[in-house]
Amino acid sequence: MGALIFYTAIYFLGYFAIHGLNLIAGRILINRRIAGLVGVFFVAVFHGYKIMSSPLPARQDTDATYALGYYVIFPVAVIVGVFLYITWQEKKDNDSL
């Protein structure tokens, strides 16, 4: 749950940073949703690298692939799924007009 909140915060940091940039520029320079998703992927790559290159905690039966799946792949997959759903809904709403 904590990793999902962490990656959601990363998404919104990128989203609102680009929103501010677009407001300063006075026009849309970069898509906010895609910028948030790129930020999530960027952090996920480094987070995954850190998990794989660090030694395992003592007296735990889990391995690094479990940690990678639970703390990186699952939250990123959820965020990508929500991103695709919202994009699909927006496209559907724009097509119905």
N, C-alpha and C. Protein backbone atom coordinates (compact mmCIF):
# COMPACT_ATOMS: atom_id res chain seq x y z
N MET A 1 0.82 -1.19 0.00
CA MET A 1 0.00 0.00 0.00
C MET A 1 0.87 1.26 0.00
N GLY A 2 1.95 1.22 0.75
CA GLY A 2 2.83 2.38 0.81
C GLY A 2 3.49 2.68 -0.53
N ALA A 3 3.85 1.64 -1.27
CA ALA A 3 4.49 1.85 -2.57
C ALA A 3 3.50 2.45 -3.56
N LEU A 4 2.24 2.05 -3.48
CA LEU A 4 1.22 2.61 -4.36
C LEU A 4 1.02 4.09 -4.07
N ILE A 5 1.00 4.45 -2.80
CA ILE A 5 0.87 5.87 -2.43
C ILE A 5 2.10 6.65 -2.88
N PHE A 6 3.28 6.05 -2.73
CA PHE A 6 4.52 6.69 -3.16
C PHE A 6 4.50 6.98 -4.66
N TYR A 7 4.16 5.98 -5.46
CA TYR A 7 4.15 6.18 -6.91
C TYR A 7 3.02 7.10 -7.35
N THR A 8 1.90 7.11 -6.63
CA THR A 8 0.83 8.06 -6.93
C THR A 8 1.30 9.48 -6.67
N ALA A 9 2.03 9.68 -5.58
CA ALA A 9 2.58 11.01 -5.28
C ALA A 9 3.58 11.43 -6.36
N ILE A 10 4.40 10.51 -6.83
CA ILE A 10 5.35 10.82 -7.90
C ILE A 10 4.59 11.22 -9.17
N TYR A 11 3.52 10.49 -9.48
CA TYR A 11 2.71 10.82 -10.66
C TYR A 11 2.16 12.24 -10.55
N PHE A 12 1.59 12.57 -9.41
CA PHE A 12 0.99 13.89 -9.27
C PHE A 12 2.03 15.00 -9.19
N LEU A 13 3.21 14.72 -8.68
CA LEU A 13 4.28 15.72 -8.72
C LEU A 13 4.64 16.07 -10.17
N GLY A 14 4.80 15.07 -11.00
CA GLY A 14 5.08 15.32 -12.42
C GLY A 14 3.92 15.98 -13.13
N TYR A 15 2.71 15.54 -12.80
CA TYR A 15 1.50 16.09 -13.42
C TYR A 15 1.37 17.58 -13.14
N PHE A 16 1.49 17.96 -11.85
CA PHE A 16 1.30 19.35 -11.49
C PHE A 16 2.51 20.22 -11.85
N ALA A 17 3.70 19.65 -11.90
CA ALA A 17 4.87 20.41 -12.34
C ALA A 17 4.70 20.82 -13.80
N ILE A 18 4.27 19.90 -14.63
CA ILE A 18 4.06 20.22 -16.04
C ILE A 18 2.86 21.14 -16.21
N HIS A 19 1.85 20.99 -15.37
CA HIS A 19 0.70 21.90 -15.41
C HIS A 19 1.16 23.33 -15.14
N GLY A 20 2.03 23.50 -14.14
CA GLY A 20 2.58 24.82 -13.85
C GLY A 20 3.40 25.36 -15.01
N LEU A 21 4.20 24.50 -15.63
CA LEU A 21 4.99 24.91 -16.79
C LEU A 21 4.08 25.35 -17.93
N ASN A 22 3.01 24.60 -18.16
CA ASN A 22 2.07 24.96 -19.22
C ASN A 22 1.37 26.28 -18.91
N LEU A 23 1.06 26.54 -17.64
CA LEU A 23 0.44 27.81 -17.27
C LEU A 23 1.40 28.98 -17.48
N ILE A 24 2.66 28.78 -17.12
CA ILE A 24 3.66 29.83 -17.31
C ILE A 24 3.86 30.11 -18.80
N ALA A 25 3.88 29.06 -19.61
CA ALA A 25 4.08 29.22 -21.04
C ALA A 25 2.85 29.79 -21.73
N GLY A 26 1.68 29.62 -21.14
CA GLY A 26 0.46 30.13 -21.75
C GLY A 26 -0.16 29.22 -22.78
N ARG A 27 0.41 28.07 -22.97
CA ARG A 27 -0.15 27.08 -23.90
C ARG A 27 0.33 25.70 -23.47
N ILE A 28 -0.22 24.68 -24.08
CA ILE A 28 0.14 23.31 -23.72
C ILE A 28 1.44 22.94 -24.45
N LEU A 29 2.50 22.79 -23.68
CA LEU A 29 3.78 22.36 -24.24
C LEU A 29 3.93 20.85 -24.17
N ILE A 30 3.57 20.29 -23.03
CA ILE A 30 3.74 18.86 -22.77
C ILE A 30 2.45 18.34 -22.16
N ASN A 31 2.05 17.15 -22.55
CA ASN A 31 0.87 16.52 -21.98
C ASN A 31 1.13 16.19 -20.51
N ARG A 32 0.24 16.66 -19.62
CA ARG A 32 0.44 16.48 -18.18
C ARG A 32 0.40 15.02 -17.77
N ARG A 33 -0.53 14.26 -18.32
CA ARG A 33 -0.66 12.86 -17.91
C ARG A 33 0.56 12.05 -18.32
N ILE A 34 1.02 12.26 -19.53
CA ILE A 34 2.19 11.52 -20.00
C ILE A 34 3.42 11.91 -19.19
N ALA A 35 3.55 13.18 -18.84
CA ALA A 35 4.69 13.63 -18.04
C ALA A 35 4.67 12.97 -16.67
N GLY A 36 3.50 12.85 -16.06
CA GLY A 36 3.40 12.16 -14.78
C GLY A 36 3.78 10.70 -14.89
N LEU A 37 3.35 10.06 -15.97
CA LEU A 37 3.67 8.65 -16.18
C LEU A 37 5.16 8.45 -16.45
N VAL A 38 5.78 9.36 -17.17
CA VAL A 38 7.22 9.27 -17.41
C VAL A 38 7.98 9.40 -16.10
N GLY A 39 7.53 10.28 -15.23
CA GLY A 39 8.15 10.41 -13.91
C GLY A 39 8.04 9.14 -13.10
N VAL A 40 6.89 8.48 -13.17
CA VAL A 40 6.70 7.21 -12.46
C VAL A 40 7.64 6.15 -13.01
N PHE A 41 7.76 6.05 -14.33
CA PHE A 41 8.67 5.07 -14.92
C PHE A 41 10.12 5.35 -14.55
N PHE A 42 10.49 6.62 -14.56
CA PHE A 42 11.86 7.01 -14.21
C PHE A 42 12.20 6.59 -12.78
N VAL A 43 11.32 6.90 -11.85
CA VAL A 43 11.55 6.53 -10.45
C VAL A 43 11.50 5.01 -10.28
N ALA A 44 10.62 4.33 -11.01
CA ALA A 44 10.50 2.88 -10.90
C ALA A 44 11.77 2.17 -11.36
N VAL A 45 12.41 2.69 -12.40
CA VAL A 45 13.66 2.08 -12.87
C VAL A 45 14.73 2.17 -11.79
N PHE A 46 14.87 3.33 -11.18
CA PHE A 46 15.89 3.49 -10.14
C PHE A 46 15.52 2.73 -8.87
N HIS A 47 14.24 2.68 -8.55
CA HIS A 47 13.79 1.92 -7.39
C HIS A 47 14.05 0.43 -7.60
N GLY A 48 13.74 -0.06 -8.80
CA GLY A 48 14.01 -1.46 -9.11
C GLY A 48 15.49 -1.78 -9.08
N TYR A 49 16.31 -0.87 -9.58
CA TYR A 49 17.76 -1.08 -9.53
C TYR A 49 18.24 -1.15 -8.09
N LYS A 50 17.72 -0.28 -7.25
CA LYS A 50 18.12 -0.27 -5.84
C LYS A 50 17.71 -1.57 -5.15
N ILE A 51 16.52 -2.07 -5.45
CA ILE A 51 16.07 -3.33 -4.85
C ILE A 51 16.95 -4.48 -5.30
N MET A 52 17.27 -4.54 -6.59
CA MET A 52 18.05 -5.67 -7.11
C MET A 52 19.52 -5.62 -6.69
N SER A 53 20.06 -4.44 -6.48
CA SER A 53 21.48 -4.34 -6.15
C SER A 53 21.76 -4.34 -4.65
N SER A 54 20.74 -4.20 -3.83
CA SER A 54 20.94 -4.19 -2.37
C SER A 54 20.91 -5.61 -1.83
N PRO A 55 21.63 -5.86 -0.75
CA PRO A 55 21.54 -7.19 -0.12
C PRO A 55 20.18 -7.38 0.55
N LEU A 56 19.77 -8.63 0.64
CA LEU A 56 18.47 -8.93 1.26
C LEU A 56 18.53 -8.70 2.77
N PRO A 57 17.41 -8.30 3.36
CA PRO A 57 17.39 -8.16 4.82
C PRO A 57 17.63 -9.51 5.50
N ALA A 58 18.22 -9.48 6.66
CA ALA A 58 18.53 -10.72 7.39
C ALA A 58 17.24 -11.38 7.88
N ARG A 59 17.24 -12.71 7.89
CA ARG A 59 16.16 -13.54 8.41
C ARG A 59 14.82 -13.30 7.71
N GLN A 60 14.85 -13.11 6.40
CA GLN A 60 13.60 -13.02 5.65
C GLN A 60 13.62 -14.06 4.55
N ASP A 61 12.46 -14.67 4.32
CA ASP A 61 12.36 -15.74 3.34
C ASP A 61 12.08 -15.24 1.93
N THR A 62 11.81 -13.96 1.78
CA THR A 62 11.49 -13.43 0.46
C THR A 62 12.77 -13.18 -0.33
N ASP A 63 12.61 -13.13 -1.64
CA ASP A 63 13.77 -12.83 -2.48
C ASP A 63 13.55 -11.49 -3.19
N ALA A 64 14.53 -11.09 -3.96
CA ALA A 64 14.50 -9.76 -4.58
C ALA A 64 13.41 -9.66 -5.64
N THR A 65 13.11 -10.75 -6.33
CA THR A 65 12.07 -10.68 -7.36
C THR A 65 10.69 -10.45 -6.75
N TYR A 66 10.44 -11.02 -5.57
CA TYR A 66 9.18 -10.77 -4.88
C TYR A 66 9.08 -9.30 -4.50
N ALA A 67 10.15 -8.74 -3.96
CA ALA A 67 10.16 -7.32 -3.59
C ALA A 67 10.00 -6.44 -4.82
N LEU A 68 10.64 -6.81 -5.90
CA LEU A 68 10.51 -6.04 -7.14
C LEU A 68 9.07 -6.05 -7.64
N GLY A 69 8.45 -7.20 -7.62
CA GLY A 69 7.06 -7.30 -8.07
C GLY A 69 6.09 -6.56 -7.17
N TYR A 70 6.29 -6.68 -5.86
CA TYR A 70 5.35 -6.11 -4.90
C TYR A 70 5.54 -4.61 -4.74
N TYR A 71 6.76 -4.12 -4.77
CA TYR A 71 7.03 -2.71 -4.49
C TYR A 71 7.26 -1.85 -5.73
N VAL A 72 7.42 -2.46 -6.90
CA VAL A 72 7.65 -1.67 -8.12
C VAL A 72 6.64 -2.03 -9.20
N ILE A 73 6.60 -3.29 -9.61
CA ILE A 73 5.79 -3.67 -10.76
C ILE A 73 4.30 -3.51 -10.48
N PHE A 74 3.82 -3.97 -9.33
CA PHE A 74 2.39 -3.87 -9.03
C PHE A 74 1.91 -2.42 -8.96
N PRO A 75 2.56 -1.52 -8.20
CA PRO A 75 2.07 -0.14 -8.17
C PRO A 75 2.13 0.56 -9.52
N VAL A 76 3.19 0.30 -10.29
CA VAL A 76 3.29 0.92 -11.61
C VAL A 76 2.21 0.38 -12.53
N ALA A 77 1.91 -0.91 -12.45
CA ALA A 77 0.84 -1.49 -13.26
C ALA A 77 -0.52 -0.88 -12.90
N VAL A 78 -0.77 -0.66 -11.63
CA VAL A 78 -2.03 -0.04 -11.21
C VAL A 78 -2.13 1.38 -11.75
N ILE A 79 -1.05 2.14 -11.66
CA ILE A 79 -1.07 3.52 -12.15
C ILE A 79 -1.23 3.56 -13.66
N VAL A 80 -0.57 2.66 -14.38
CA VAL A 80 -0.74 2.60 -15.83
C VAL A 80 -2.17 2.21 -16.19
N GLY A 81 -2.75 1.27 -15.46
CA GLY A 81 -4.14 0.88 -15.70
C GLY A 81 -5.11 2.03 -15.49
N VAL A 82 -4.93 2.78 -14.43
CA VAL A 82 -5.78 3.95 -14.17
C VAL A 82 -5.56 5.01 -15.24
N PHE A 83 -4.30 5.22 -15.63
CA PHE A 83 -3.97 6.17 -16.70
C PHE A 83 -4.68 5.80 -18.00
N LEU A 84 -4.62 4.53 -18.38
CA LEU A 84 -5.27 4.09 -19.62
C LEU A 84 -6.78 4.21 -19.53
N TYR A 85 -7.35 3.89 -18.37
CA TYR A 85 -8.80 4.00 -18.20
C TYR A 85 -9.26 5.45 -18.31
N ILE A 86 -8.56 6.37 -17.64
CA ILE A 86 -8.95 7.78 -17.69
C ILE A 86 -8.77 8.33 -19.10
N THR A 87 -7.70 7.96 -19.78
CA THR A 87 -7.49 8.40 -21.16
C THR A 87 -8.57 7.86 -22.07
N TRP A 88 -8.95 6.60 -21.88
CA TRP A 88 -10.01 5.99 -22.68
C TRP A 88 -11.34 6.68 -22.43
N GLN A 89 -11.65 6.99 -21.17
CA GLN A 89 -12.90 7.67 -20.84
C GLN A 89 -12.93 9.08 -21.44
N GLU A 90 -11.82 9.78 -21.37
CA GLU A 90 -11.78 11.13 -21.94
C GLU A 90 -11.95 11.09 -23.46
N LYS A 91 -11.32 10.12 -24.10
CA LYS A 91 -11.46 9.98 -25.55
C LYS A 91 -12.90 9.63 -25.91
N LYS A 92 -13.53 8.76 -25.12
CA LYS A 92 -14.92 8.38 -25.36
C LYS A 92 -15.84 9.58 -25.18
N ASP A 93 -15.59 10.41 -24.16
CA ASP A 93 -16.40 11.59 -23.92
C ASP A 93 -16.23 12.62 -25.04
N ASN A 94 -15.02 12.77 -25.55
CA ASN A 94 -14.78 13.72 -26.64
C ASN A 94 -15.39 13.23 -27.95
N ASP A 95 -15.44 11.92 -28.17
CA ASP A 95 -16.03 11.38 -29.39
C ASP A 95 -17.54 11.51 -29.39
N SER A 96 -18.17 11.50 -28.21
CA SER A 96 -19.62 11.57 -28.14
C SER A 96 -20.15 12.99 -28.35
N LEU A 97 -19.27 13.99 -28.31
CA LEU A 97 -19.71 15.38 -28.51
C LEU A 97 -19.93 15.68 -29.94
